[in-house]
Amino acid sequence: MGDDADAREPEPKIVPGGYLTHDGIFIAERDTRPSRDGRFHVCRYGGLKTADVIAPAQKQICLFVPQPTF
């Protein structure tokens, strides 16, 4: 994993229990969504790297994570 040339921001780091965005926001594994294209996608308000990660009440946070392939 690493930076994706088409991405708007660096891929989150995998940390114990979840992921850490480039600006230090922790997102628990249980709060992520599966990625259909095998890439990370972090949704932020206005599509800006410096905006808050979209986290709707009572729903999963908008971080799409590649699923492991076995």
N, C-alpha and C. Protein backbone atom coordinates (compact mmCIF):
# COMPACT_ATOMS: atom_id res chain seq x y z
N MET A 1 0.84 -1.18 0.00
CA MET A 1 0.00 0.00 0.00
C MET A 1 0.88 1.24 0.00
N GLY A 2 0.30 2.35 -0.35
CA GLY A 2 1.02 3.60 -0.40
C GLY A 2 0.13 4.65 -1.00
N ASP A 3 0.74 5.71 -1.52
CA ASP A 3 -0.06 6.75 -2.13
C ASP A 3 -0.64 6.27 -3.45
N ASP A 4 -1.86 6.64 -3.70
CA ASP A 4 -2.56 6.31 -4.93
C ASP A 4 -2.55 7.56 -5.80
N ALA A 5 -2.02 7.47 -7.00
CA ALA A 5 -1.88 8.64 -7.87
C ALA A 5 -3.22 9.31 -8.16
N ASP A 6 -4.33 8.55 -8.14
CA ASP A 6 -5.64 9.12 -8.42
C ASP A 6 -6.36 9.60 -7.17
N ALA A 7 -5.82 9.32 -6.00
CA ALA A 7 -6.48 9.65 -4.75
C ALA A 7 -6.30 11.13 -4.41
N ARG A 8 -7.21 11.62 -3.61
CA ARG A 8 -7.12 13.01 -3.17
C ARG A 8 -6.26 13.16 -1.92
N GLU A 9 -5.95 12.06 -1.26
CA GLU A 9 -5.11 12.12 -0.07
C GLU A 9 -4.39 10.80 0.11
N PRO A 10 -3.34 10.79 0.93
CA PRO A 10 -2.62 9.52 1.16
C PRO A 10 -3.53 8.47 1.78
N GLU A 11 -3.22 7.21 1.51
CA GLU A 11 -3.99 6.11 2.11
C GLU A 11 -3.84 6.16 3.63
N PRO A 12 -4.90 5.78 4.34
CA PRO A 12 -4.79 5.71 5.80
C PRO A 12 -3.78 4.64 6.21
N LYS A 13 -3.20 4.85 7.39
CA LYS A 13 -2.29 3.85 7.95
C LYS A 13 -3.12 2.81 8.68
N ILE A 14 -2.70 1.55 8.57
CA ILE A 14 -3.36 0.49 9.33
C ILE A 14 -2.73 0.50 10.72
N VAL A 15 -3.57 0.64 11.73
CA VAL A 15 -3.12 0.67 13.13
C VAL A 15 -3.97 -0.34 13.90
N PRO A 16 -3.55 -0.71 15.10
CA PRO A 16 -4.35 -1.66 15.87
C PRO A 16 -5.81 -1.20 16.03
N GLY A 17 -6.73 -2.02 15.58
CA GLY A 17 -8.15 -1.74 15.73
C GLY A 17 -8.78 -0.92 14.62
N GLY A 18 -7.97 -0.42 13.68
CA GLY A 18 -8.57 0.38 12.62
C GLY A 18 -7.56 1.08 11.73
N TYR A 19 -7.86 2.33 11.42
CA TYR A 19 -7.08 3.09 10.45
C TYR A 19 -6.89 4.51 10.94
N LEU A 20 -5.78 5.13 10.54
CA LEU A 20 -5.46 6.49 10.92
C LEU A 20 -5.25 7.29 9.64
N THR A 21 -6.06 8.36 9.46
CA THR A 21 -5.93 9.19 8.27
C THR A 21 -4.67 10.05 8.36
N HIS A 22 -4.30 10.66 7.25
CA HIS A 22 -3.08 11.48 7.21
C HIS A 22 -3.11 12.63 8.21
N ASP A 23 -4.31 13.06 8.61
CA ASP A 23 -4.43 14.16 9.56
C ASP A 23 -4.77 13.69 10.97
N GLY A 24 -4.57 12.39 11.23
CA GLY A 24 -4.68 11.88 12.60
C GLY A 24 -6.05 11.45 13.06
N ILE A 25 -7.00 11.28 12.15
CA ILE A 25 -8.34 10.83 12.55
C ILE A 25 -8.34 9.31 12.58
N PHE A 26 -8.69 8.74 13.75
CA PHE A 26 -8.78 7.29 13.90
C PHE A 26 -10.17 6.84 13.51
N ILE A 27 -10.25 5.79 12.68
CA ILE A 27 -11.51 5.20 12.29
C ILE A 27 -11.42 3.71 12.60
N ALA A 28 -12.29 3.25 13.49
CA ALA A 28 -12.29 1.85 13.90
C ALA A 28 -12.66 0.95 12.72
N GLU A 29 -12.07 -0.23 12.68
CA GLU A 29 -12.35 -1.21 11.62
C GLU A 29 -13.85 -1.44 11.47
N ARG A 30 -14.57 -1.55 12.58
CA ARG A 30 -16.01 -1.84 12.55
C ARG A 30 -16.81 -0.70 11.91
N ASP A 31 -16.23 0.49 11.81
CA ASP A 31 -16.93 1.64 11.26
C ASP A 31 -16.64 1.88 9.78
N THR A 32 -15.88 0.98 9.15
CA THR A 32 -15.52 1.16 7.73
C THR A 32 -16.50 0.44 6.82
N ARG A 33 -16.36 0.69 5.54
CA ARG A 33 -17.19 0.04 4.53
C ARG A 33 -16.27 -0.69 3.56
N PRO A 34 -16.71 -1.79 2.96
CA PRO A 34 -15.85 -2.50 2.01
C PRO A 34 -15.72 -1.72 0.70
N SER A 35 -14.51 -1.68 0.17
CA SER A 35 -14.25 -1.02 -1.11
C SER A 35 -14.49 -2.01 -2.25
N ARG A 36 -15.17 -1.57 -3.28
CA ARG A 36 -15.46 -2.44 -4.41
C ARG A 36 -14.34 -2.46 -5.45
N ASP A 37 -13.47 -1.46 -5.40
CA ASP A 37 -12.41 -1.40 -6.41
C ASP A 37 -11.02 -1.71 -5.85
N GLY A 38 -10.97 -2.17 -4.58
CA GLY A 38 -9.69 -2.56 -4.00
C GLY A 38 -8.81 -1.40 -3.59
N ARG A 39 -9.39 -0.20 -3.49
CA ARG A 39 -8.64 0.99 -3.09
C ARG A 39 -9.28 1.64 -1.88
N PHE A 40 -8.48 2.40 -1.14
CA PHE A 40 -9.02 3.18 -0.04
C PHE A 40 -9.72 4.41 -0.60
N HIS A 41 -10.82 4.80 0.05
CA HIS A 41 -11.51 6.04 -0.28
C HIS A 41 -11.95 6.67 1.03
N VAL A 42 -11.51 7.90 1.27
CA VAL A 42 -11.92 8.65 2.45
C VAL A 42 -12.84 9.77 1.96
N CYS A 43 -14.07 9.78 2.43
CA CYS A 43 -15.02 10.82 2.01
C CYS A 43 -14.96 11.96 3.02
N ARG A 44 -14.78 13.16 2.51
CA ARG A 44 -14.73 14.35 3.36
C ARG A 44 -15.70 15.39 2.82
N TYR A 45 -16.21 16.19 3.73
CA TYR A 45 -17.14 17.24 3.34
C TYR A 45 -16.49 18.15 2.31
N GLY A 46 -17.20 18.41 1.24
CA GLY A 46 -16.70 19.28 0.18
C GLY A 46 -15.59 18.68 -0.65
N GLY A 47 -15.21 17.41 -0.37
CA GLY A 47 -14.14 16.76 -1.11
C GLY A 47 -12.76 17.33 -0.83
N LEU A 48 -12.62 18.07 0.25
CA LEU A 48 -11.34 18.70 0.58
C LEU A 48 -10.53 17.86 1.55
N LYS A 49 -9.22 17.77 1.32
CA LYS A 49 -8.33 16.99 2.19
C LYS A 49 -8.35 17.45 3.63
N THR A 50 -8.64 18.72 3.85
CA THR A 50 -8.58 19.28 5.20
C THR A 50 -9.93 19.29 5.90
N ALA A 51 -10.99 18.84 5.21
CA ALA A 51 -12.32 18.84 5.80
C ALA A 51 -12.51 17.61 6.69
N ASP A 52 -13.55 17.64 7.51
CA ASP A 52 -13.87 16.51 8.38
C ASP A 52 -14.30 15.29 7.56
N VAL A 53 -13.96 14.11 8.06
CA VAL A 53 -14.41 12.86 7.45
C VAL A 53 -15.92 12.77 7.68
N ILE A 54 -16.64 12.36 6.65
CA ILE A 54 -18.09 12.25 6.76
C ILE A 54 -18.44 11.09 7.68
N ALA A 55 -19.17 11.38 8.74
CA ALA A 55 -19.54 10.37 9.73
C ALA A 55 -21.01 10.58 10.10
N PRO A 56 -21.93 10.09 9.25
CA PRO A 56 -23.36 10.28 9.53
C PRO A 56 -23.78 9.59 10.82
N ALA A 57 -24.70 10.20 11.53
CA ALA A 57 -25.19 9.63 12.78
C ALA A 57 -25.81 8.25 12.52
N GLN A 58 -25.48 7.31 13.36
CA GLN A 58 -26.03 5.96 13.32
C GLN A 58 -25.67 5.18 12.07
N LYS A 59 -24.65 5.62 11.32
CA LYS A 59 -24.24 4.90 10.11
C LYS A 59 -22.73 4.75 10.11
N GLN A 60 -22.23 3.91 9.20
CA GLN A 60 -20.79 3.71 9.11
C GLN A 60 -20.11 4.98 8.61
N ILE A 61 -18.91 5.22 9.10
CA ILE A 61 -18.11 6.35 8.66
C ILE A 61 -17.71 6.13 7.21
N CYS A 62 -17.54 7.20 6.49
CA CYS A 62 -17.25 7.09 5.06
C CYS A 62 -15.76 6.85 4.80
N LEU A 63 -15.32 5.66 5.14
CA LEU A 63 -13.98 5.18 4.78
C LEU A 63 -14.18 3.81 4.15
N PHE A 64 -13.84 3.73 2.87
CA PHE A 64 -13.94 2.47 2.15
C PHE A 64 -12.57 1.81 2.16
N VAL A 65 -12.53 0.54 2.54
CA VAL A 65 -11.28 -0.19 2.77
C VAL A 65 -11.23 -1.42 1.87
N PRO A 66 -10.06 -1.65 1.20
CA PRO A 66 -9.92 -2.87 0.40
C PRO A 66 -10.10 -4.10 1.27
N GLN A 67 -10.77 -5.08 0.72
CA GLN A 67 -10.99 -6.33 1.46
C GLN A 67 -9.83 -7.30 1.19
N PRO A 68 -9.44 -8.05 2.20
CA PRO A 68 -8.35 -9.00 2.00
C PRO A 68 -8.73 -10.07 0.97
N THR A 69 -7.75 -10.48 0.22
CA THR A 69 -7.98 -11.57 -0.73
C THR A 69 -7.17 -12.77 -0.28
N PHE A 70 -7.81 -13.89 -0.22
CA PHE A 70 -7.16 -15.11 0.26
C PHE A 70 -7.10 -16.11 -0.85
